[in-house]
Amino acid sequence: MRRRQVTASIAALLVTRGHAAHAQAESRSLRVGVLRPGVPPLPGDDLQLTLLPLALRELGYAEGRNLLIDARWAHGELQQMPALARELVMSACHVVVAVGSAAVQAMKQASSTLPVVMFGNFDPVRLGLVSSLARPGGNVTGVLIAPDGTLAGKRLELLKQVVPQATRIGLLIPDEDSIHQQVLETRAAAKALGVVMPVVTVRQGDYAGAFAALSRERVAGLIVASHQYFVRDRGRIVELAVMHRLPAMYEWREQVIAGGLMTYSTSLHGLYQRVASYVDRIYKGANPGDLPVERPTKFELVVNLRAARAIDLVVPPALLMRADEVIE
């Protein structure tokens, strides 16, 4: 009887030590909050979930060992952002990665001290999120997708080289107010090129209806706006673009790998490497207000010839010569 009691005591002690060791390991882990306005990726499409952990792994952090990631998604309901931001403040994160201007604004309102690394395509100075790009001040810094504006003009210019006779090129956008700046810049670029640009909104995930509307507008090409939803749903968009025989310009290389025609952008993985670098530096003691907001300096033109052949499109040789990558 006494032996069983001693054995049980030892077992209880080991369990207690195990829980203590686990708690101690968690206390030594980098805790990163992530706030996003959209919805989690569809099953089997983990692109948006893996990029940050992958970039942090390259810096020596691994989930389950010394890294904890707490991701919150607003599911497109931006009014939920403030509550989600407050939850992240209460969760004792060391730093929060905020994707998109609404997420950054919510985090900034929730705390003036919790470090925030922003990521997205907006003007943080104009929105009052930082004092300047060189000296952000406060608790916010981060990485922008484009150096100035949204690259809309350059993307439209390149697409126009593929369909030089096109007088009508469509712009596909999500049903979100955050897309406003992209619409303004793309319309301005279209006007400069003498192109009529019907803008079609995807409502409640009705991509078939949106492409039917583009068909009624008789567009000869398509700009797919930069947005998380369109990265997530890239397979469906590519399928419909082929069905409607529309040459389309996308945001990221990953969309072209999925069968899209072309893209002009920086590397999504490379951008997340910069985000991870800021997370690491802040965790090790850097002040976010002293870290300049980074803007990309290198951009790549990627063309998918398989996608071109699927719609019987001949890509001009001069454009192929300019391409950084051609997918055969």
Protein backbone atom coordinates (compact mmCIF):
# COMPACT_ATOMS: atom_id res chain seq x y z
CA MET A 1 0.00 0.00 0.00
CA ARG A 2 2.79 2.37 0.99
CA ARG A 3 4.69 1.54 -2.25
CA ARG A 4 1.60 2.45 -4.34
CA GLN A 5 1.32 5.74 -2.47
CA VAL A 6 4.99 6.56 -3.09
CA THR A 7 4.63 5.66 -6.79
CA ALA A 8 1.54 7.85 -7.11
CA SER A 9 3.35 10.72 -5.38
CA ILE A 10 6.29 10.43 -7.77
CA ALA A 11 3.95 10.34 -10.77
CA ALA A 12 2.10 13.42 -9.52
CA LEU A 13 5.40 15.22 -8.99
CA LEU A 14 6.52 14.41 -12.55
CA VAL A 15 3.23 15.65 -13.99
CA THR A 16 3.50 18.85 -11.95
CA ARG A 17 7.07 19.38 -13.14
CA GLY A 18 5.95 18.68 -16.71
CA HIS A 19 3.23 21.33 -16.51
CA ALA A 20 5.68 23.76 -14.94
CA ALA A 21 8.25 23.10 -17.65
CA HIS A 22 5.59 23.61 -20.34
CA ALA A 23 4.46 26.87 -18.76
CA GLN A 24 8.08 28.01 -18.47
CA ALA A 25 8.71 27.14 -22.13
CA GLU A 26 5.64 29.16 -23.13
CA SER A 27 6.87 32.13 -21.10
CA ARG A 28 10.14 32.03 -23.05
CA SER A 29 8.37 31.81 -26.43
CA LEU A 30 7.93 34.67 -28.84
CA ARG A 31 4.20 35.42 -28.82
CA VAL A 32 3.01 36.99 -32.07
CA GLY A 33 -0.53 38.22 -32.56
CA VAL A 34 -1.92 38.50 -36.09
CA LEU A 35 -4.95 40.62 -36.97
CA ARG A 36 -6.54 40.26 -40.40
CA PRO A 37 -9.72 41.79 -41.85
CA GLY A 38 -10.65 38.80 -43.98
CA VAL A 39 -11.45 35.14 -43.54
CA PRO A 40 -9.18 32.14 -42.92
CA PRO A 41 -7.97 30.29 -46.04
CA LEU A 42 -10.07 27.51 -47.50
CA PRO A 43 -9.14 23.92 -46.56
CA GLY A 44 -6.03 22.84 -48.44
CA ASP A 45 -4.94 26.43 -49.17
CA ASP A 46 -2.62 27.46 -46.36
CA LEU A 47 -0.57 30.04 -48.26
CA GLN A 48 -1.58 32.93 -46.02
CA LEU A 49 -1.13 30.90 -42.85
CA THR A 50 2.34 29.54 -43.57
CA LEU A 51 4.24 32.55 -44.88
CA LEU A 52 4.81 34.23 -41.52
CA PRO A 53 5.74 31.03 -39.60
CA LEU A 54 8.05 30.05 -42.47
CA ALA A 55 9.80 33.43 -42.42
CA LEU A 56 10.14 33.28 -38.62
CA ARG A 57 11.51 29.74 -38.84
CA GLU A 58 14.34 31.11 -40.98
CA LEU A 59 15.21 33.31 -37.99
CA GLY A 60 15.22 30.41 -35.53
CA TYR A 61 11.62 30.40 -34.30
CA ALA A 62 9.41 27.32 -34.54
CA GLU A 63 5.84 26.77 -33.40
CA GLY A 64 5.69 24.25 -30.59
CA ARG A 65 9.22 25.13 -29.50
CA ASN A 66 9.76 28.86 -29.04
CA LEU A 67 6.97 30.50 -31.05
CA LEU A 68 3.26 31.03 -30.39
CA ILE A 69 1.05 32.66 -33.06
CA ASP A 70 -2.38 33.95 -32.11
CA ALA A 71 -4.30 34.83 -35.30
CA ARG A 72 -7.62 36.70 -35.28
CA TRP A 73 -9.81 37.11 -38.39
CA ALA A 74 -12.61 39.68 -38.77
CA HIS A 75 -14.36 37.65 -41.51
CA GLY A 76 -14.89 40.82 -43.54
CA GLU A 77 -16.76 42.56 -40.69
CA LEU A 78 -14.51 45.54 -40.03
CA GLN A 79 -16.66 46.63 -37.09
CA GLN A 80 -15.26 43.58 -35.28
CA MET A 81 -11.70 44.88 -35.54
CA PRO A 82 -11.63 46.95 -32.32
CA ALA A 83 -12.82 44.01 -30.19
CA LEU A 84 -10.31 41.64 -31.79
CA ALA A 85 -7.54 44.19 -31.27
CA ARG A 86 -8.42 44.48 -27.59
CA GLU A 87 -8.32 40.67 -27.29
CA LEU A 88 -4.79 40.64 -28.68
CA VAL A 89 -3.74 43.36 -26.25
CA MET A 90 -5.05 41.22 -23.38
CA SER A 91 -3.34 38.06 -24.70
CA ALA A 92 0.14 39.29 -23.68
CA CYS A 93 1.61 39.21 -27.18
CA HIS A 94 5.09 40.61 -27.62
CA VAL A 95 4.18 42.09 -31.00
CA VAL A 96 1.20 42.12 -33.36
CA VAL A 97 1.32 41.82 -37.15
CA ALA A 98 -1.61 43.88 -38.46
CA VAL A 99 -2.61 43.26 -42.08
CA GLY A 100 -4.35 46.16 -43.80
CA SER A 101 -5.06 49.70 -42.67
CA ALA A 102 -8.19 48.82 -40.68
CA ALA A 103 -6.24 46.30 -38.61
CA VAL A 104 -3.47 48.82 -37.91
CA GLN A 105 -5.96 51.50 -36.91
CA ALA A 106 -7.72 49.09 -34.56
CA MET A 107 -4.45 48.05 -32.90
CA LYS A 108 -3.29 51.64 -32.55
CA GLN A 109 -6.56 52.58 -30.86
CA ALA A 110 -6.41 49.52 -28.57
CA SER A 111 -2.89 50.25 -27.30
CA SER A 112 -0.28 52.95 -27.60
CA THR A 113 2.49 50.69 -26.27
CA LEU A 114 2.05 47.19 -27.76
CA PRO A 115 4.41 47.04 -30.79
CA VAL A 116 2.62 46.69 -34.14
CA VAL A 117 4.20 45.60 -37.43
CA MET A 118 1.87 46.64 -40.22
CA PHE A 119 1.67 44.97 -43.62
CA GLY A 120 -0.36 46.14 -46.58
CA ASN A 121 -0.96 48.51 -49.43
CA PHE A 122 -1.91 51.96 -48.10
CA ASP A 123 -0.44 55.32 -47.09
CA PRO A 124 0.25 55.11 -43.33
CA VAL A 125 1.34 58.77 -43.10
CA ARG A 126 -1.85 60.08 -44.72
CA LEU A 127 -3.92 57.86 -42.41
CA GLY A 128 -2.08 59.14 -39.35
CA LEU A 129 -0.70 55.72 -38.41
CA VAL A 130 2.92 56.89 -38.37
CA SER A 131 4.58 60.31 -38.24
CA SER A 132 6.76 59.58 -41.26
CA LEU A 133 8.12 56.57 -43.12
CA ALA A 134 11.68 57.30 -42.01
CA ARG A 135 10.81 57.95 -38.35
CA PRO A 136 7.44 56.33 -37.58
CA GLY A 137 7.40 57.24 -33.88
CA GLY A 138 4.91 55.63 -31.52
CA ASN A 139 4.36 51.87 -31.51
CA VAL A 140 3.80 51.19 -35.23
CA THR A 141 6.21 50.36 -38.05
CA GLY A 142 6.13 47.78 -40.81
CA VAL A 143 6.35 46.80 -44.45
CA LEU A 144 4.38 48.16 -47.41
CA ILE A 145 3.56 46.16 -50.54
CA ALA A 146 4.33 48.95 -53.01
CA PRO A 147 6.83 51.83 -52.96
CA ASP A 148 4.30 54.47 -53.92
CA GLY A 149 0.62 53.93 -54.60
CA THR A 150 -0.64 50.51 -55.62
CA LEU A 151 1.29 49.64 -58.83
CA ALA A 152 -2.06 49.84 -60.62
CA GLY A 153 -0.74 52.05 -63.39
CA LYS A 154 2.22 49.80 -64.20
CA ARG A 155 0.07 46.67 -64.19
CA LEU A 156 -2.44 48.21 -66.56
CA GLU A 157 0.34 49.43 -68.85
CA LEU A 158 1.81 45.91 -69.07
CA LEU A 159 -1.59 44.31 -69.69
CA LYS A 160 -2.26 46.84 -72.44
CA GLN A 161 0.89 45.60 -74.19
CA VAL A 162 -0.67 42.13 -74.34
CA VAL A 163 -3.97 43.44 -75.73
CA PRO A 164 -2.90 46.67 -77.51
CA GLN A 165 -6.20 47.05 -79.37
CA ALA A 166 -8.28 46.85 -76.18
CA THR A 167 -10.37 49.94 -75.47
CA ARG A 168 -12.27 48.40 -72.55
CA ILE A 169 -10.47 46.65 -69.67
CA GLY A 170 -12.34 45.57 -66.58
CA LEU A 171 -11.37 45.93 -62.92
CA LEU A 172 -12.51 43.16 -60.57
CA ILE A 173 -12.82 44.27 -56.94
CA PRO A 174 -14.14 42.81 -53.67
CA ASP A 175 -17.08 44.32 -51.82
CA GLU A 176 -14.92 46.29 -49.36
CA ASP A 177 -14.28 49.98 -48.73
CA SER A 178 -10.53 49.32 -48.30
CA ILE A 179 -10.22 48.91 -52.07
CA HIS A 180 -11.07 52.59 -52.73
CA GLN A 181 -7.51 53.80 -53.34
CA GLN A 182 -6.80 51.01 -55.82
CA VAL A 183 -9.93 51.88 -57.77
CA LEU A 184 -8.94 55.56 -57.93
CA GLU A 185 -5.40 54.82 -59.11
CA THR A 186 -6.46 52.21 -61.67
CA ARG A 187 -9.12 54.48 -63.13
CA ALA A 188 -6.61 57.32 -63.39
CA ALA A 189 -4.17 55.01 -65.20
CA ALA A 190 -6.93 53.84 -67.54
CA LYS A 191 -7.85 57.42 -68.39
CA ALA A 192 -4.22 58.24 -69.16
CA LEU A 193 -4.06 55.27 -71.54
CA GLY A 194 -7.39 56.09 -73.18
CA VAL A 195 -9.05 52.96 -71.82
CA VAL A 196 -12.63 52.68 -70.59
CA MET A 197 -12.64 50.76 -67.29
CA PRO A 198 -15.85 49.17 -66.03
CA VAL A 199 -15.52 48.27 -62.34
CA VAL A 200 -17.26 45.03 -61.30
CA THR A 201 -17.70 44.05 -57.65
CA VAL A 202 -17.75 40.46 -56.42
CA ARG A 203 -20.62 40.29 -53.95
CA GLN A 204 -20.98 37.46 -51.45
CA GLY A 205 -18.49 35.30 -53.35
CA ASP A 206 -20.50 35.31 -56.59
CA TYR A 207 -17.59 35.12 -59.02
CA ALA A 208 -19.70 33.65 -61.81
CA GLY A 209 -22.06 36.61 -61.59
CA ALA A 210 -19.16 39.06 -61.60
CA PHE A 211 -17.63 37.52 -64.72
CA ALA A 212 -21.04 37.52 -66.40
CA ALA A 213 -21.18 41.26 -65.71
CA LEU A 214 -17.69 41.70 -67.20
CA SER A 215 -18.86 39.83 -70.28
CA ARG A 216 -21.83 42.17 -70.65
CA GLU A 217 -19.40 45.09 -70.44
CA ARG A 218 -17.51 43.60 -73.43
CA VAL A 219 -14.10 44.00 -71.81
CA ALA A 220 -11.04 42.68 -73.64
CA GLY A 221 -8.83 42.33 -70.56
CA LEU A 222 -9.01 42.27 -66.78
CA ILE A 223 -7.17 43.72 -63.80
CA VAL A 224 -7.75 41.61 -60.69
CA ALA A 225 -7.48 43.96 -57.72
CA SER A 226 -5.03 43.34 -54.91
CA HIS A 227 -6.93 41.70 -52.07
CA GLN A 228 -6.69 38.73 -49.73
CA TYR A 229 -9.98 37.28 -51.01
CA PHE A 230 -8.64 37.12 -54.54
CA VAL A 231 -5.49 35.36 -53.40
CA ARG A 232 -7.58 32.86 -51.46
CA ASP A 233 -9.99 32.30 -54.38
CA ARG A 234 -7.34 32.42 -57.11
CA GLY A 235 -8.30 29.01 -58.52
CA ARG A 236 -11.90 30.03 -59.17
CA ILE A 237 -10.90 33.37 -60.68
CA VAL A 238 -8.38 31.77 -63.02
CA GLU A 239 -10.97 29.19 -64.10
CA LEU A 240 -13.51 31.88 -64.99
CA ALA A 241 -10.94 34.07 -66.74
CA VAL A 242 -10.10 31.13 -69.02
CA MET A 243 -13.78 30.33 -69.54
CA HIS A 244 -14.44 33.92 -70.62
CA ARG A 245 -11.15 34.08 -72.56
CA LEU A 246 -9.97 37.15 -70.66
CA PRO A 247 -6.28 38.07 -70.42
CA ALA A 248 -5.86 39.01 -66.77
CA MET A 249 -3.26 40.76 -64.64
CA TYR A 250 -2.95 39.55 -61.04
CA GLU A 251 -1.29 40.75 -57.86
CA TRP A 252 1.05 37.91 -56.87
CA ARG A 253 3.21 35.24 -58.49
CA GLU A 254 1.22 32.61 -56.57
CA GLN A 255 -1.86 33.52 -58.62
CA VAL A 256 0.08 33.05 -61.85
CA ILE A 257 1.44 29.72 -60.63
CA ALA A 258 -2.22 28.74 -60.15
CA GLY A 259 -2.85 29.41 -63.84
CA GLY A 260 -3.20 33.18 -64.11
CA LEU A 261 -1.71 34.96 -67.11
CA MET A 262 0.65 37.52 -65.61
CA THR A 263 1.68 39.57 -62.61
CA TYR A 264 3.92 42.47 -61.78
CA SER A 265 4.83 42.65 -58.11
CA THR A 266 7.43 41.96 -55.51
CA SER A 267 7.82 38.60 -53.75
CA LEU A 268 5.14 37.79 -51.18
CA HIS A 269 7.57 35.48 -49.39
CA GLY A 270 10.22 38.19 -49.48
CA LEU A 271 7.83 40.71 -47.94
CA TYR A 272 7.00 38.34 -45.10
CA GLN A 273 10.72 37.84 -44.52
CA ARG A 274 10.93 41.59 -43.89
CA VAL A 275 7.88 41.44 -41.58
CA ALA A 276 9.49 38.57 -39.66
CA SER A 277 12.74 40.53 -39.41
CA TYR A 278 10.89 43.42 -37.74
CA VAL A 279 9.09 41.05 -35.36
CA ASP A 280 12.45 39.53 -34.40
CA ARG A 281 14.17 42.89 -33.90
CA ILE A 282 11.32 44.26 -31.77
CA TYR A 283 11.24 41.08 -29.65
CA LYS A 284 14.97 41.54 -29.04
CA GLY A 285 14.48 45.10 -27.83
CA ALA A 286 14.23 47.44 -30.83
CA ASN A 287 11.79 50.33 -30.58
CA PRO A 288 9.23 50.16 -33.42
CA GLY A 289 9.12 53.95 -33.58
CA ASP A 290 12.80 53.97 -34.56
CA LEU A 291 12.47 51.38 -37.35
CA PRO A 292 11.75 52.97 -40.76
CA VAL A 293 8.70 51.72 -42.64
CA GLU A 294 10.06 49.55 -45.45
CA ARG A 295 8.98 49.74 -49.07
CA PRO A 296 10.01 47.18 -51.71
CA THR A 297 12.55 48.17 -54.35
CA LYS A 298 12.55 45.10 -56.59
CA PHE A 299 9.62 43.99 -58.75
CA GLU A 300 9.19 41.02 -61.07
CA LEU A 301 7.15 40.47 -64.21
CA VAL A 302 5.96 36.86 -64.40
CA VAL A 303 4.16 35.52 -67.49
CA ASN A 304 2.43 32.15 -67.79
CA LEU A 305 2.55 30.95 -71.41
CA ARG A 306 0.38 27.95 -70.59
CA ALA A 307 -2.34 30.37 -69.54
CA ALA A 308 -1.84 32.36 -72.75
CA ARG A 309 -2.21 29.24 -74.89
CA ALA A 310 -5.40 28.29 -73.01
CA ILE A 311 -7.09 31.42 -74.42
CA ASP A 312 -5.22 31.41 -77.78
CA LEU A 313 -3.32 34.55 -76.85
CA VAL A 314 0.04 35.45 -78.36
CA VAL A 315 2.22 37.31 -75.89
CA PRO A 316 4.45 39.88 -77.63
CA PRO A 317 8.08 38.71 -77.78
CA ALA A 318 9.25 42.09 -76.47
CA LEU A 319 7.22 41.57 -73.30
CA LEU A 320 8.60 38.05 -72.85
CA MET A 321 12.12 39.47 -73.16
CA ARG A 322 11.30 41.86 -70.29
CA ALA A 323 9.83 39.13 -68.09
CA ASP A 324 11.80 38.00 -65.05
CA GLU A 325 10.13 34.59 -65.21
CA VAL A 326 8.25 32.80 -67.99
CA ILE A 327 6.23 29.72 -67.10
CA GLU A 328 6.19 27.37 -70.09
